[in-house]
């Protein structure tokens, strides 16, 4: 009970992603994504700055990455951005260009470029699914492409989760290992709960 109270009393963080499945259909020139979150995400509650309670972004690359360097230089290696942050507007999930070449400010864009396409999605509890065209994400070849992602809560990424994970490849399941710094936090909570229980028993 004490451990549960400690977990509830801890500060809230962005709902992390457990895994992402991506399946490429070369004939249709599309890629289907299924994203599984650790808990049911809230895409519709927003704060005073119009930022979603839970949000995600996918960053596409020409080829799979071996580390988190894909966003170096302000996402200069990215071919497109899938903006889960814009779900609360009710139009779907937009795929945007990395850089704005129109000169027209879009308050929904978060500073990214113009909309390349908007895709419908389906949410079932912790899972969300949608399909994008390979042309929109900037990949039309037969070789695997790469992508990365991050999740945020009201615009801030979790301090105990990877703010960006860039080692995903198409036609496979991408799962993120739990960061090493999480285990000391959990162990500390369990240790504290055991200590309090031991002291209560000794006092009794």
C-alpha atoms as a PDB file:
ATOM      1  CA  UNK A   1       0.000   0.000   0.000  1.00  0.00           C
ATOM      2  CA  UNK A   2       2.816   2.373   0.895  1.00  0.00           C
ATOM      3  CA  UNK A   3       4.604   1.654  -2.376  1.00  0.00           C
ATOM      4  CA  UNK A   4       1.405   2.386  -4.264  1.00  0.00           C
ATOM      5  CA  UNK A   5       1.018   5.673  -2.386  1.00  0.00           C
ATOM      6  CA  UNK A   6       4.598   6.627  -3.210  1.00  0.00           C
ATOM      7  CA  UNK A   7       4.043   5.914  -6.883  1.00  0.00           C
ATOM      8  CA  UNK A   8       0.857   7.960  -6.912  1.00  0.00           C
ATOM      9  CA  UNK A   9       2.581  10.792  -5.079  1.00  0.00           C
ATOM     10  CA  UNK A  10       5.431  10.892  -7.601  1.00  0.00           C
ATOM     11  CA  UNK A  11       5.294  13.611 -10.269  1.00  0.00           C
ATOM     12  CA  UNK A  12       3.468  12.695 -13.464  1.00  0.00           C
ATOM     13  CA  UNK A  13       5.440  12.141 -16.662  1.00  0.00           C
ATOM     14  CA  UNK A  14       4.708  11.691 -20.317  1.00  0.00           C
ATOM     15  CA  UNK A  15       3.108   8.336 -21.065  1.00  0.00           C
ATOM     16  CA  UNK A  16       5.982   6.340 -22.603  1.00  0.00           C
ATOM     17  CA  UNK A  17       5.729   4.153 -25.677  1.00  0.00           C
ATOM     18  CA  UNK A  18       6.136   0.415 -25.090  1.00  0.00           C
ATOM     19  CA  UNK A  19       6.644  -0.493 -28.738  1.00  0.00           C
ATOM     20  CA  UNK A  20       5.884   0.498 -32.329  1.00  0.00           C
ATOM     21  CA  UNK A  21       5.120  -1.903 -35.180  1.00  0.00           C
ATOM     22  CA  UNK A  22       5.577  -0.677 -38.748  1.00  0.00           C
ATOM     23  CA  UNK A  23       4.570  -2.583 -41.877  1.00  0.00           C
ATOM     24  CA  UNK A  24       5.437  -1.385 -45.375  1.00  0.00           C
ATOM     25  CA  UNK A  25       3.189  -2.165 -48.334  1.00  0.00           C
ATOM     26  CA  UNK A  26       5.394  -1.622 -51.389  1.00  0.00           C
ATOM     27  CA  UNK A  27       2.536  -2.183 -53.818  1.00  0.00           C
ATOM     28  CA  UNK A  28       0.366   0.497 -52.191  1.00  0.00           C
ATOM     29  CA  UNK A  29       3.425   2.597 -51.263  1.00  0.00           C
ATOM     30  CA  UNK A  30       2.218   2.974 -47.684  1.00  0.00           C
ATOM     31  CA  UNK A  31       3.445   2.191 -44.185  1.00  0.00           C
ATOM     32  CA  UNK A  32       1.114   1.236 -41.331  1.00  0.00           C
ATOM     33  CA  UNK A  33       2.055   2.083 -37.761  1.00  0.00           C
ATOM     34  CA  UNK A  34       0.707   0.588 -34.543  1.00  0.00           C
ATOM     35  CA  UNK A  35       1.888   2.313 -31.369  1.00  0.00           C
ATOM     36  CA  UNK A  36       1.424   0.763 -27.932  1.00  0.00           C
ATOM     37  CA  UNK A  37       1.669   3.146 -24.972  1.00  0.00           C
ATOM     38  CA  UNK A  38       2.351   2.106 -21.372  1.00  0.00           C
ATOM     39  CA  UNK A  39      -1.023   3.601 -20.382  1.00  0.00           C
ATOM     40  CA  UNK A  40      -4.000   5.088 -22.195  1.00  0.00           C
ATOM     41  CA  UNK A  41      -2.834   8.443 -23.603  1.00  0.00           C
ATOM     42  CA  UNK A  42      -4.992  11.563 -23.387  1.00  0.00           C
ATOM     43  CA  UNK A  43      -4.713  13.353 -26.721  1.00  0.00           C
ATOM     44  CA  UNK A  44      -7.535  15.837 -26.164  1.00  0.00           C
ATOM     45  CA  UNK A  45      -6.934  17.653 -22.868  1.00  0.00           C
ATOM     46  CA  UNK A  46      -4.840  20.787 -23.475  1.00  0.00           C
ATOM     47  CA  UNK A  47      -3.220  23.417 -21.256  1.00  0.00           C
ATOM     48  CA  UNK A  48      -3.255  27.214 -21.497  1.00  0.00           C
ATOM     49  CA  UNK A  49      -0.666  27.016 -24.296  1.00  0.00           C
ATOM     50  CA  UNK A  50      -2.789  24.545 -26.309  1.00  0.00           C
ATOM     51  CA  UNK A  51      -0.375  21.672 -25.670  1.00  0.00           C
ATOM     52  CA  UNK A  52      -1.777  18.154 -25.361  1.00  0.00           C
ATOM     53  CA  UNK A  53      -1.754  16.250 -22.085  1.00  0.00           C
ATOM     54  CA  UNK A  54      -0.064  13.372 -23.942  1.00  0.00           C
ATOM     55  CA  UNK A  55       1.672  13.719 -27.259  1.00  0.00           C
ATOM     56  CA  UNK A  56       4.099  11.959 -29.582  1.00  0.00           C
ATOM     57  CA  UNK A  57       6.126  12.712 -32.679  1.00  0.00           C
ATOM     58  CA  UNK A  58       7.697  10.365 -35.227  1.00  0.00           C
ATOM     59  CA  UNK A  59      10.825  11.504 -37.071  1.00  0.00           C
ATOM     60  CA  UNK A  60      11.511   9.700 -40.368  1.00  0.00           C
ATOM     61  CA  UNK A  61      14.979   9.084 -41.856  1.00  0.00           C
ATOM     62  CA  UNK A  62      16.221   7.688 -45.168  1.00  0.00           C
ATOM     63  CA  UNK A  63      17.942   4.771 -43.433  1.00  0.00           C
ATOM     64  CA  UNK A  64      17.798   3.220 -39.942  1.00  0.00           C
ATOM     65  CA  UNK A  65      19.966   4.883 -37.284  1.00  0.00           C
ATOM     66  CA  UNK A  66      22.270   3.154 -34.800  1.00  0.00           C
ATOM     67  CA  UNK A  67      22.055   5.860 -32.143  1.00  0.00           C
ATOM     68  CA  UNK A  68      20.170   9.045 -31.199  1.00  0.00           C
ATOM     69  CA  UNK A  69      22.156  11.330 -33.513  1.00  0.00           C
ATOM     70  CA  UNK A  70      19.261  11.609 -35.959  1.00  0.00           C
ATOM     71  CA  UNK A  71      18.080  14.910 -34.495  1.00  0.00           C
ATOM     72  CA  UNK A  72      21.535  16.476 -34.561  1.00  0.00           C
ATOM     73  CA  UNK A  73      21.566  19.882 -36.172  1.00  0.00           C
ATOM     74  CA  UNK A  74      17.857  20.490 -35.618  1.00  0.00           C
ATOM     75  CA  UNK A  75      16.576  17.334 -37.332  1.00  0.00           C
ATOM     76  CA  UNK A  76      18.656  18.011 -40.419  1.00  0.00           C
ATOM     77  CA  UNK A  77      18.675  14.261 -41.209  1.00  0.00           C
ATOM     78  CA  UNK A  78      14.873  13.933 -40.964  1.00  0.00           C
ATOM     79  CA  UNK A  79      12.722  13.533 -44.056  1.00  0.00           C
ATOM     80  CA  UNK A  80       9.383  14.281 -42.330  1.00  0.00           C
ATOM     81  CA  UNK A  81       7.653  14.725 -38.966  1.00  0.00           C
ATOM     82  CA  UNK A  82       4.481  12.886 -37.924  1.00  0.00           C
ATOM     83  CA  UNK A  83       2.776  15.230 -35.482  1.00  0.00           C
ATOM     84  CA  UNK A  84       0.751  13.380 -32.844  1.00  0.00           C
ATOM     85  CA  UNK A  85       0.729  16.721 -31.004  1.00  0.00           C
ATOM     86  CA  UNK A  86      -1.961  17.967 -33.401  1.00  0.00           C
ATOM     87  CA  UNK A  87      -4.492  15.205 -32.755  1.00  0.00           C
ATOM     88  CA  UNK A  88      -6.579  17.415 -30.454  1.00  0.00           C
ATOM     89  CA  UNK A  89      -7.517  19.666 -33.386  1.00  0.00           C
ATOM     90  CA  UNK A  90      -9.710  16.825 -34.636  1.00  0.00           C
ATOM     91  CA  UNK A  91      -8.449  16.555 -38.222  1.00  0.00           C
ATOM     92  CA  UNK A  92      -6.286  13.428 -37.845  1.00  0.00           C
ATOM     93  CA  UNK A  93      -2.504  13.019 -37.673  1.00  0.00           C
ATOM     94  CA  UNK A  94      -0.592  15.358 -39.987  1.00  0.00           C
ATOM     95  CA  UNK A  95       2.715  14.524 -41.642  1.00  0.00           C
ATOM     96  CA  UNK A  96       4.746  17.709 -41.983  1.00  0.00           C
ATOM     97  CA  UNK A  97       7.821  18.800 -43.868  1.00  0.00           C
ATOM     98  CA  UNK A  98      10.849  19.401 -41.691  1.00  0.00           C
ATOM     99  CA  UNK A  99      11.411  22.977 -42.819  1.00  0.00           C
ATOM    100  CA  UNK A 100       8.909  25.677 -43.741  1.00  0.00           C
ATOM    101  CA  UNK A 101       9.387  26.961 -47.276  1.00  0.00           C
ATOM    102  CA  UNK A 102       6.072  28.790 -47.604  1.00  0.00           C
ATOM    103  CA  UNK A 103       6.751  31.704 -45.284  1.00  0.00           C
ATOM    104  CA  UNK A 104       3.202  31.348 -43.949  1.00  0.00           C
ATOM    105  CA  UNK A 105       3.079  30.857 -40.174  1.00  0.00           C
ATOM    106  CA  UNK A 106       0.915  27.959 -39.017  1.00  0.00           C
ATOM    107  CA  UNK A 107       0.197  28.170 -35.264  1.00  0.00           C
ATOM    108  CA  UNK A 108      -0.468  24.417 -35.165  1.00  0.00           C
ATOM    109  CA  UNK A 109       2.886  23.430 -36.643  1.00  0.00           C
ATOM    110  CA  UNK A 110       5.100  23.712 -33.563  1.00  0.00           C
ATOM    111  CA  UNK A 111       7.670  25.383 -35.799  1.00  0.00           C
ATOM    112  CA  UNK A 112       7.812  22.554 -38.361  1.00  0.00           C
ATOM    113  CA  UNK A 113       7.033  22.840 -42.068  1.00  0.00           C
ATOM    114  CA  UNK A 114       3.859  22.646 -44.110  1.00  0.00           C
ATOM    115  CA  UNK A 115       1.423  19.710 -44.017  1.00  0.00           C
ATOM    116  CA  UNK A 116       2.209  16.963 -46.543  1.00  0.00           C
ATOM    117  CA  UNK A 117      -0.831  14.840 -45.704  1.00  0.00           C
ATOM    118  CA  UNK A 118      -3.289  14.205 -42.861  1.00  0.00           C
ATOM    119  CA  UNK A 119      -4.051  10.610 -41.924  1.00  0.00           C
ATOM    120  CA  UNK A 120      -6.976   9.179 -39.954  1.00  0.00           C
ATOM    121  CA  UNK A 121      -6.210   7.018 -36.933  1.00  0.00           C
ATOM    122  CA  UNK A 122      -7.913   4.525 -34.652  1.00  0.00           C
ATOM    123  CA  UNK A 123      -7.349   4.407 -30.899  1.00  0.00           C
ATOM    124  CA  UNK A 124      -8.211   1.406 -28.738  1.00  0.00           C
ATOM    125  CA  UNK A 125      -7.176   2.104 -25.155  1.00  0.00           C
ATOM    126  CA  UNK A 126      -3.375   2.144 -25.035  1.00  0.00           C
ATOM    127  CA  UNK A 127      -2.989   1.428 -28.777  1.00  0.00           C
ATOM    128  CA  UNK A 128      -3.178   3.780 -31.741  1.00  0.00           C
ATOM    129  CA  UNK A 129      -2.980   2.761 -35.418  1.00  0.00           C
ATOM    130  CA  UNK A 130      -2.672   4.768 -38.653  1.00  0.00           C
ATOM    131  CA  UNK A 131      -1.305   4.504 -42.206  1.00  0.00           C
ATOM    132  CA  UNK A 132       0.894   7.004 -44.035  1.00  0.00           C
ATOM    133  CA  UNK A 133       2.065   7.203 -47.621  1.00  0.00           C
ATOM    134  CA  UNK A 134       5.758   6.548 -48.244  1.00  0.00           C
ATOM    135  CA  UNK A 135       5.835   9.638 -50.428  1.00  0.00           C
ATOM    136  CA  UNK A 136       4.708  11.867 -47.542  1.00  0.00           C
ATOM    137  CA  UNK A 137       7.331  10.541 -45.146  1.00  0.00           C
ATOM    138  CA  UNK A 138      10.000  10.960 -47.821  1.00  0.00           C
ATOM    139  CA  UNK A 139      10.789   7.347 -48.686  1.00  0.00           C
ATOM    140  CA  UNK A 140       9.852   5.496 -51.865  1.00  0.00           C
ATOM    141  CA  UNK A 141      12.617   2.894 -52.115  1.00  0.00           C
ATOM    142  CA  UNK A 142      12.473  -0.801 -51.311  1.00  0.00           C
ATOM    143  CA  UNK A 143      15.152  -0.675 -48.606  1.00  0.00           C
ATOM    144  CA  UNK A 144      14.171  -0.191 -44.937  1.00  0.00           C
ATOM    145  CA  UNK A 145      13.789   3.357 -43.704  1.00  0.00           C
ATOM    146  CA  UNK A 146      14.472   4.561 -40.197  1.00  0.00           C
ATOM    147  CA  UNK A 147      12.471   6.555 -37.708  1.00  0.00           C
ATOM    148  CA  UNK A 148      12.638   7.825 -34.162  1.00  0.00           C
ATOM    149  CA  UNK A 149      10.114   9.109 -31.672  1.00  0.00           C
ATOM    150  CA  UNK A 150       9.540  10.972 -28.458  1.00  0.00           C
ATOM    151  CA  UNK A 151       6.593  11.492 -26.119  1.00  0.00           C
ATOM    152  CA  UNK A 152       5.726  14.614 -24.154  1.00  0.00           C
ATOM    153  CA  UNK A 153       3.306  15.717 -21.459  1.00  0.00           C
ATOM    154  CA  UNK A 154       2.085  19.276 -21.975  1.00  0.00           C
ATOM    155  CA  UNK A 155       5.183  19.942 -24.062  1.00  0.00           C
ATOM    156  CA  UNK A 156       7.771  18.407 -21.705  1.00  0.00           C
ATOM    157  CA  UNK A 157       9.451  15.023 -22.121  1.00  0.00           C
ATOM    158  CA  UNK A 158       9.810  12.616 -19.219  1.00  0.00           C
ATOM    159  CA  UNK A 159      12.937  13.071 -17.075  1.00  0.00           C
ATOM    160  CA  UNK A 160      13.200   9.315 -16.503  1.00  0.00           C
ATOM    161  CA  UNK A 161      12.538   8.172 -20.070  1.00  0.00           C
ATOM    162  CA  UNK A 162      14.464   8.652 -23.259  1.00  0.00           C
ATOM    163  CA  UNK A 163      13.451  12.091 -24.584  1.00  0.00           C
ATOM    164  CA  UNK A 164      14.197  10.758 -28.085  1.00  0.00           C
ATOM    165  CA  UNK A 165      14.720   7.204 -29.336  1.00  0.00           C
ATOM    166  CA  UNK A 166      15.986   7.017 -32.904  1.00  0.00           C
ATOM    167  CA  UNK A 167      16.921   3.382 -33.533  1.00  0.00           C
ATOM    168  CA  UNK A 168      13.721   2.129 -35.175  1.00  0.00           C
ATOM    169  CA  UNK A 169      13.566   0.453 -38.601  1.00  0.00           C
ATOM    170  CA  UNK A 170      10.591  -0.174 -40.861  1.00  0.00           C
ATOM    171  CA  UNK A 171       8.976  -3.632 -41.092  1.00  0.00           C
ATOM    172  CA  UNK A 172       9.920  -4.507 -37.516  1.00  0.00           C
ATOM    173  CA  UNK A 173       8.890  -3.934 -33.909  1.00  0.00           C
ATOM    174  CA  UNK A 174      10.724  -1.104 -32.182  1.00  0.00           C
ATOM    175  CA  UNK A 175      10.833  -1.434 -28.384  1.00  0.00           C
ATOM    176  CA  UNK A 176      12.642   0.907 -26.018  1.00  0.00           C
ATOM    177  CA  UNK A 177      14.567  -0.550 -23.051  1.00  0.00           C
ATOM    178  CA  UNK A 178      13.875   0.966 -19.647  1.00  0.00           C
ATOM    179  CA  UNK A 179      16.552   3.579 -18.892  1.00  0.00           C
ATOM    180  CA  UNK A 180      19.106   2.601 -16.249  1.00  0.00           C
ATOM    181  CA  UNK A 181      18.148   5.548 -14.043  1.00  0.00           C
ATOM    182  CA  UNK A 182      14.628   4.162 -13.586  1.00  0.00           C
ATOM    183  CA  UNK A 183      15.795   1.147 -11.622  1.00  0.00           C
ATOM    184  CA  UNK A 184      17.385   3.139  -8.740  1.00  0.00           C
ATOM    185  CA  UNK A 185      14.154   5.124  -8.448  1.00  0.00           C
ATOM    186  CA  UNK A 186      11.993   2.013  -8.242  1.00  0.00           C
ATOM    187  CA  UNK A 187      14.458   0.254  -5.929  1.00  0.00           C
ATOM    188  CA  UNK A 188      14.518   3.270  -3.657  1.00  0.00           C
ATOM    189  CA  UNK A 189      10.729   3.299  -3.366  1.00  0.00           C
ATOM    190  CA  UNK A 190      10.621  -0.417  -2.599  1.00  0.00           C
ATOM    191  CA  UNK A 191      13.422  -0.059  -0.072  1.00  0.00           C
ATOM    192  CA  UNK A 192      11.649   2.792   1.684  1.00  0.00           C
ATOM    193  CA  UNK A 193       8.411   0.821   1.829  1.00  0.00           C
ATOM    194  CA  UNK A 194      10.230  -2.184   3.335  1.00  0.00           C
ATOM    195  CA  UNK A 195      11.980   0.011   5.903  1.00  0.00           C
ATOM    196  CA  UNK A 196       8.737   1.618   7.051  1.00  0.00           C
ATOM    197  CA  UNK A 197       7.024  -1.782   7.261  1.00  0.00           C
ATOM    198  CA  UNK A 198       9.940  -3.193   9.288  1.00  0.00           C
ATOM    199  CA  UNK A 199       9.892  -0.270  11.727  1.00  0.00           C
ATOM    200  CA  UNK A 200       6.138  -0.557  12.197  1.00  0.00           C
ATOM    201  CA  UNK A 201       6.450  -4.262  12.903  1.00  0.00           C
ATOM    202  CA  UNK A 202       9.288  -3.698  15.366  1.00  0.00           C
ATOM    203  CA  UNK A 203       7.351  -0.973  17.144  1.00  0.00           C
ATOM    204  CA  UNK A 204       4.306  -3.231  17.428  1.00  0.00           C
END
